[in-house]
Amino acid sequence: MTDIKSRVQSINPDISARNVHKMASSCANIYEALNIVAKRSRQLSIDLKQELHKKLEEFAVSSDAIEEISENKEQIEISKFYERLPNPTIIATEEFLADEIYYRYKDKKNESNF
């Protein structure tokens, strides 16, 4: 995976209306296009979540005392950065509209043998 954080900095994190006909033009219908976007969105969500947890593990302190919890400025900045990133669904939609998502169909012979 390329550095997703640097690529999505220019994407507007706000929700905007999309041209449904443009989305459906590259697939057989709109439902296939939305399914492709949804699967890519799940992939992005999992990747970003794992990356965030990996970075926050560096700051984890293994102690049993509740009083010893301290705020770390770097940890707060990392969390804020990930909060400002666009929603994975918005990122996936932008990738789909820019034809950056590779998708393929499963072999239909195997699915029709009930």
N, C-alpha and C. Protein backbone atom coordinates (compact mmCIF):
# COMPACT_ATOMS: atom_id res chain seq x y z
N MET A 1 0.84 -1.17 0.00
CA MET A 1 0.00 0.00 0.00
C MET A 1 0.88 1.24 0.00
N THR A 2 0.56 2.15 -0.88
CA THR A 2 1.31 3.40 -0.88
C THR A 2 0.88 4.22 0.32
N ASP A 3 1.57 5.28 0.55
CA ASP A 3 1.28 6.11 1.71
C ASP A 3 -0.07 6.79 1.52
N ILE A 4 -1.10 6.23 2.11
CA ILE A 4 -2.46 6.72 1.95
C ILE A 4 -2.63 8.10 2.55
N LYS A 5 -1.90 8.38 3.62
CA LYS A 5 -2.06 9.66 4.30
C LYS A 5 -1.64 10.83 3.41
N SER A 6 -0.59 10.67 2.66
CA SER A 6 -0.13 11.76 1.81
C SER A 6 -1.05 11.95 0.60
N ARG A 7 -1.67 10.87 0.13
CA ARG A 7 -2.55 10.98 -1.03
C ARG A 7 -3.89 11.62 -0.69
N VAL A 8 -4.38 11.42 0.52
CA VAL A 8 -5.72 11.90 0.85
C VAL A 8 -5.72 13.28 1.48
N GLN A 9 -4.58 13.92 1.64
CA GLN A 9 -4.53 15.25 2.23
C GLN A 9 -5.32 16.26 1.41
N SER A 10 -5.36 16.08 0.10
CA SER A 10 -6.03 17.05 -0.76
C SER A 10 -7.53 16.78 -0.92
N ILE A 11 -8.02 15.66 -0.41
CA ILE A 11 -9.44 15.33 -0.54
C ILE A 11 -10.24 16.10 0.50
N ASN A 12 -11.33 16.67 0.05
CA ASN A 12 -12.22 17.40 0.94
C ASN A 12 -12.93 16.40 1.85
N PRO A 13 -12.80 16.53 3.18
CA PRO A 13 -13.40 15.55 4.09
C PRO A 13 -14.92 15.68 4.23
N ASP A 14 -15.50 16.72 3.63
CA ASP A 14 -16.94 16.90 3.73
C ASP A 14 -17.68 16.04 2.70
N ILE A 15 -18.88 15.66 3.06
CA ILE A 15 -19.70 14.86 2.16
C ILE A 15 -20.24 15.76 1.06
N SER A 16 -20.21 15.26 -0.17
CA SER A 16 -20.77 16.02 -1.29
C SER A 16 -21.57 15.09 -2.19
N ALA A 17 -22.46 15.68 -2.96
CA ALA A 17 -23.29 14.90 -3.87
C ALA A 17 -22.44 14.34 -5.01
N ARG A 18 -22.78 13.15 -5.45
CA ARG A 18 -22.03 12.49 -6.52
C ARG A 18 -22.96 12.23 -7.71
N ASN A 19 -22.37 12.18 -8.88
CA ASN A 19 -23.12 11.86 -10.09
C ASN A 19 -23.26 10.34 -10.16
N VAL A 20 -24.46 9.85 -9.93
CA VAL A 20 -24.71 8.41 -9.88
C VAL A 20 -24.49 7.78 -11.25
N HIS A 21 -24.85 8.48 -12.29
CA HIS A 21 -24.68 7.92 -13.63
C HIS A 21 -23.21 7.76 -13.99
N LYS A 22 -22.38 8.69 -13.51
CA LYS A 22 -20.95 8.57 -13.77
C LYS A 22 -20.36 7.37 -13.03
N MET A 23 -20.83 7.13 -11.80
CA MET A 23 -20.35 5.98 -11.03
C MET A 23 -20.77 4.67 -11.70
N ALA A 24 -21.99 4.63 -12.21
CA ALA A 24 -22.52 3.39 -12.80
C ALA A 24 -21.97 3.15 -14.21
N SER A 25 -21.36 4.15 -14.82
CA SER A 25 -20.91 4.00 -16.20
C SER A 25 -19.76 3.01 -16.34
N SER A 26 -18.95 2.85 -15.31
CA SER A 26 -17.81 1.92 -15.42
C SER A 26 -18.16 0.50 -15.00
N CYS A 27 -19.37 0.30 -14.47
CA CYS A 27 -19.82 -1.03 -14.05
C CYS A 27 -21.13 -1.35 -14.78
N ALA A 28 -21.65 -2.53 -14.49
CA ALA A 28 -22.91 -2.92 -15.10
C ALA A 28 -24.07 -2.11 -14.53
N ASN A 29 -24.02 -1.80 -13.23
CA ASN A 29 -25.07 -0.98 -12.62
C ASN A 29 -24.53 -0.30 -11.37
N ILE A 30 -25.35 0.53 -10.76
CA ILE A 30 -24.92 1.32 -9.62
C ILE A 30 -24.64 0.45 -8.40
N TYR A 31 -25.35 -0.66 -8.27
CA TYR A 31 -25.17 -1.52 -7.11
C TYR A 31 -23.80 -2.18 -7.11
N GLU A 32 -23.31 -2.55 -8.28
CA GLU A 32 -21.96 -3.10 -8.37
C GLU A 32 -20.92 -2.03 -8.02
N ALA A 33 -21.14 -0.82 -8.50
CA ALA A 33 -20.22 0.27 -8.20
C ALA A 33 -20.18 0.54 -6.69
N LEU A 34 -21.34 0.57 -6.06
CA LEU A 34 -21.39 0.82 -4.61
C LEU A 34 -20.77 -0.33 -3.83
N ASN A 35 -20.93 -1.55 -4.32
CA ASN A 35 -20.31 -2.70 -3.66
C ASN A 35 -18.78 -2.61 -3.74
N ILE A 36 -18.26 -2.20 -4.87
CA ILE A 36 -16.82 -2.04 -5.04
C ILE A 36 -16.29 -0.95 -4.10
N VAL A 37 -17.01 0.16 -4.02
CA VAL A 37 -16.61 1.26 -3.13
C VAL A 37 -16.67 0.80 -1.68
N ALA A 38 -17.71 0.05 -1.31
CA ALA A 38 -17.85 -0.43 0.07
C ALA A 38 -16.72 -1.37 0.46
N LYS A 39 -16.34 -2.27 -0.43
CA LYS A 39 -15.24 -3.21 -0.12
C LYS A 39 -13.92 -2.46 0.01
N ARG A 40 -13.67 -1.49 -0.85
CA ARG A 40 -12.44 -0.71 -0.75
C ARG A 40 -12.44 0.13 0.53
N SER A 41 -13.60 0.64 0.89
CA SER A 41 -13.72 1.41 2.12
C SER A 41 -13.38 0.57 3.34
N ARG A 42 -13.83 -0.67 3.36
CA ARG A 42 -13.50 -1.57 4.48
C ARG A 42 -12.00 -1.82 4.54
N GLN A 43 -11.37 -2.02 3.37
CA GLN A 43 -9.92 -2.23 3.34
C GLN A 43 -9.19 -1.02 3.91
N LEU A 44 -9.58 0.17 3.47
CA LEU A 44 -8.94 1.39 3.95
C LEU A 44 -9.15 1.57 5.45
N SER A 45 -10.34 1.28 5.91
CA SER A 45 -10.65 1.43 7.33
C SER A 45 -9.77 0.52 8.18
N ILE A 46 -9.64 -0.71 7.77
CA ILE A 46 -8.81 -1.67 8.50
C ILE A 46 -7.34 -1.25 8.48
N ASP A 47 -6.86 -0.83 7.32
CA ASP A 47 -5.45 -0.41 7.20
C ASP A 47 -5.16 0.82 8.06
N LEU A 48 -6.03 1.81 8.02
CA LEU A 48 -5.81 3.01 8.82
C LEU A 48 -5.90 2.73 10.31
N LYS A 49 -6.82 1.86 10.68
CA LYS A 49 -6.98 1.51 12.10
C LYS A 49 -5.73 0.78 12.61
N GLN A 50 -5.23 -0.18 11.83
CA GLN A 50 -4.03 -0.90 12.23
C GLN A 50 -2.82 0.03 12.32
N GLU A 51 -2.71 0.94 11.36
CA GLU A 51 -1.59 1.88 11.37
C GLU A 51 -1.66 2.81 12.58
N LEU A 52 -2.85 3.29 12.91
CA LEU A 52 -3.02 4.16 14.08
C LEU A 52 -2.68 3.42 15.36
N HIS A 53 -3.17 2.19 15.50
CA HIS A 53 -2.88 1.41 16.71
C HIS A 53 -1.39 1.11 16.83
N LYS A 54 -0.74 0.86 15.71
CA LYS A 54 0.69 0.59 15.74
C LYS A 54 1.47 1.82 16.23
N LYS A 55 1.05 3.00 15.77
CA LYS A 55 1.73 4.21 16.20
C LYS A 55 1.43 4.54 17.65
N LEU A 56 0.21 4.27 18.11
CA LEU A 56 -0.15 4.58 19.49
C LEU A 56 0.43 3.56 20.46
N GLU A 57 0.78 2.36 20.00
CA GLU A 57 1.41 1.36 20.88
C GLU A 57 2.77 1.83 21.37
N GLU A 58 3.43 2.67 20.60
CA GLU A 58 4.74 3.19 21.00
C GLU A 58 4.63 4.00 22.29
N PHE A 59 3.47 4.59 22.52
CA PHE A 59 3.28 5.44 23.70
C PHE A 59 2.67 4.69 24.87
N ALA A 60 2.30 3.43 24.66
CA ALA A 60 1.63 2.66 25.71
C ALA A 60 2.60 2.40 26.86
N VAL A 61 2.10 2.59 28.05
CA VAL A 61 2.87 2.37 29.26
C VAL A 61 2.17 1.27 30.04
N SER A 62 2.91 0.25 30.41
CA SER A 62 2.29 -0.86 31.14
C SER A 62 2.45 -0.64 32.64
N SER A 63 1.46 0.01 33.21
CA SER A 63 1.45 0.20 34.66
C SER A 63 0.02 0.05 35.15
N ASP A 64 -0.12 -0.37 36.39
CA ASP A 64 -1.43 -0.63 36.94
C ASP A 64 -2.04 0.58 37.64
N ALA A 65 -1.27 1.57 37.90
CA ALA A 65 -1.76 2.72 38.65
C ALA A 65 -2.51 3.68 37.73
N ILE A 66 -3.70 4.02 38.10
CA ILE A 66 -4.51 4.94 37.31
C ILE A 66 -3.98 6.36 37.43
N GLU A 67 -3.39 6.72 38.55
CA GLU A 67 -2.92 8.07 38.77
C GLU A 67 -1.76 8.44 37.86
N GLU A 68 -1.09 7.46 37.30
CA GLU A 68 0.10 7.73 36.51
C GLU A 68 -0.18 7.99 35.04
N ILE A 69 -1.44 8.13 34.68
CA ILE A 69 -1.77 8.40 33.28
C ILE A 69 -1.34 9.83 32.95
N SER A 70 -0.58 9.96 31.91
CA SER A 70 -0.11 11.29 31.52
C SER A 70 -0.44 11.51 30.05
N GLU A 71 -0.64 12.76 29.70
CA GLU A 71 -0.93 13.11 28.32
C GLU A 71 0.38 13.36 27.58
N ASN A 72 0.47 12.78 26.45
CA ASN A 72 1.65 12.96 25.62
C ASN A 72 1.23 13.79 24.41
N LYS A 73 1.91 14.89 24.17
CA LYS A 73 1.54 15.78 23.07
C LYS A 73 1.66 15.09 21.71
N GLU A 74 2.68 14.27 21.54
CA GLU A 74 2.85 13.56 20.27
C GLU A 74 1.68 12.61 20.03
N GLN A 75 1.26 11.94 21.05
CA GLN A 75 0.15 11.00 20.94
C GLN A 75 -1.13 11.75 20.57
N ILE A 76 -1.34 12.90 21.18
CA ILE A 76 -2.53 13.70 20.88
C ILE A 76 -2.48 14.20 19.43
N GLU A 77 -1.32 14.63 18.97
CA GLU A 77 -1.19 15.11 17.60
C GLU A 77 -1.44 14.00 16.58
N ILE A 78 -0.94 12.81 16.87
CA ILE A 78 -1.18 11.67 15.97
C ILE A 78 -2.66 11.36 15.91
N SER A 79 -3.33 11.35 17.04
CA SER A 79 -4.77 11.07 17.07
C SER A 79 -5.55 12.13 16.32
N LYS A 80 -5.20 13.39 16.50
CA LYS A 80 -5.89 14.47 15.80
C LYS A 80 -5.67 14.38 14.29
N PHE A 81 -4.46 14.00 13.89
CA PHE A 81 -4.18 13.87 12.46
C PHE A 81 -5.09 12.82 11.83
N TYR A 82 -5.24 11.68 12.48
CA TYR A 82 -6.08 10.63 11.93
C TYR A 82 -7.56 11.00 11.98
N GLU A 83 -7.96 11.82 12.94
CA GLU A 83 -9.34 12.28 13.01
C GLU A 83 -9.66 13.24 11.87
N ARG A 84 -8.66 14.00 11.43
CA ARG A 84 -8.88 14.97 10.35
C ARG A 84 -8.89 14.33 8.97
N LEU A 85 -8.43 13.11 8.86
CA LEU A 85 -8.43 12.44 7.56
C LEU A 85 -9.87 12.23 7.10
N PRO A 86 -10.09 12.23 5.79
CA PRO A 86 -11.45 11.96 5.31
C PRO A 86 -11.90 10.55 5.67
N ASN A 87 -13.19 10.38 5.72
CA ASN A 87 -13.79 9.08 5.99
C ASN A 87 -13.34 8.08 4.92
N PRO A 88 -13.08 6.82 5.27
CA PRO A 88 -12.65 5.84 4.27
C PRO A 88 -13.63 5.69 3.10
N THR A 89 -14.91 5.91 3.34
CA THR A 89 -15.87 5.83 2.24
C THR A 89 -15.66 6.97 1.25
N ILE A 90 -15.35 8.15 1.74
CA ILE A 90 -15.07 9.28 0.85
C ILE A 90 -13.81 9.02 0.05
N ILE A 91 -12.78 8.48 0.70
CA ILE A 91 -11.53 8.16 0.01
C ILE A 91 -11.79 7.11 -1.08
N ALA A 92 -12.54 6.07 -0.74
CA ALA A 92 -12.82 5.00 -1.70
C ALA A 92 -13.64 5.52 -2.88
N THR A 93 -14.58 6.41 -2.62
CA THR A 93 -15.39 6.98 -3.71
C THR A 93 -14.52 7.81 -4.64
N GLU A 94 -13.64 8.60 -4.08
CA GLU A 94 -12.73 9.39 -4.91
C GLU A 94 -11.82 8.50 -5.75
N GLU A 95 -11.31 7.42 -5.14
CA GLU A 95 -10.47 6.48 -5.89
C GLU A 95 -11.26 5.83 -7.01
N PHE A 96 -12.51 5.47 -6.75
CA PHE A 96 -13.34 4.82 -7.78
C PHE A 96 -13.60 5.77 -8.93
N LEU A 97 -13.94 7.02 -8.62
CA LEU A 97 -14.23 7.99 -9.68
C LEU A 97 -12.99 8.33 -10.49
N ALA A 98 -11.80 8.20 -9.89
CA ALA A 98 -10.55 8.46 -10.60
C ALA A 98 -9.99 7.20 -11.26
N ASP A 99 -10.75 6.12 -11.25
CA ASP A 99 -10.34 4.82 -11.84
C ASP A 99 -9.03 4.32 -11.24
N GLU A 100 -8.86 4.45 -9.93
CA GLU A 100 -7.67 3.98 -9.25
C GLU A 100 -7.89 2.64 -8.55
N ILE A 101 -9.11 2.12 -8.62
CA ILE A 101 -9.42 0.85 -7.96
C ILE A 101 -9.46 -0.25 -9.00
N TYR A 102 -8.69 -1.30 -8.74
CA TYR A 102 -8.72 -2.48 -9.60
C TYR A 102 -9.73 -3.46 -9.01
N TYR A 103 -10.65 -3.91 -9.83
CA TYR A 103 -11.62 -4.91 -9.39
C TYR A 103 -11.82 -5.92 -10.51
N ARG A 104 -12.25 -7.10 -10.09
CA ARG A 104 -12.52 -8.16 -11.07
C ARG A 104 -13.68 -8.99 -10.56
N TYR A 105 -14.30 -9.70 -11.47
CA TYR A 105 -15.44 -10.54 -11.12
C TYR A 105 -14.98 -11.97 -10.93
N LYS A 106 -15.61 -12.66 -10.00
CA LYS A 106 -15.30 -14.06 -9.81
C LYS A 106 -15.84 -14.86 -10.99
N ASP A 107 -15.32 -16.05 -11.14
CA ASP A 107 -15.76 -16.92 -12.23
C ASP A 107 -17.22 -17.31 -11.98
N LYS A 108 -18.09 -16.98 -12.94
CA LYS A 108 -19.52 -17.23 -12.75
C LYS A 108 -19.89 -18.71 -12.89
N LYS A 109 -19.02 -19.55 -13.45
CA LYS A 109 -19.30 -20.97 -13.58
C LYS A 109 -19.43 -21.63 -12.21
N ASN A 110 -18.57 -21.24 -11.28
CA ASN A 110 -18.59 -21.83 -9.95
C ASN A 110 -19.82 -21.39 -9.16
N GLU A 111 -20.34 -20.21 -9.40
CA GLU A 111 -21.48 -19.70 -8.66
C GLU A 111 -22.79 -20.30 -9.13
N SER A 112 -22.89 -20.75 -10.38
CA SER A 112 -24.15 -21.25 -10.91
C SER A 112 -24.37 -22.74 -10.61
N ASN A 113 -23.39 -23.43 -10.04
CA ASN A 113 -23.53 -24.85 -9.72
C ASN A 113 -24.10 -25.04 -8.33
N PHE A 114 -25.41 -24.93 -8.21
CA PHE A 114 -26.05 -25.10 -6.90
C PHE A 114 -26.23 -26.54 -6.65
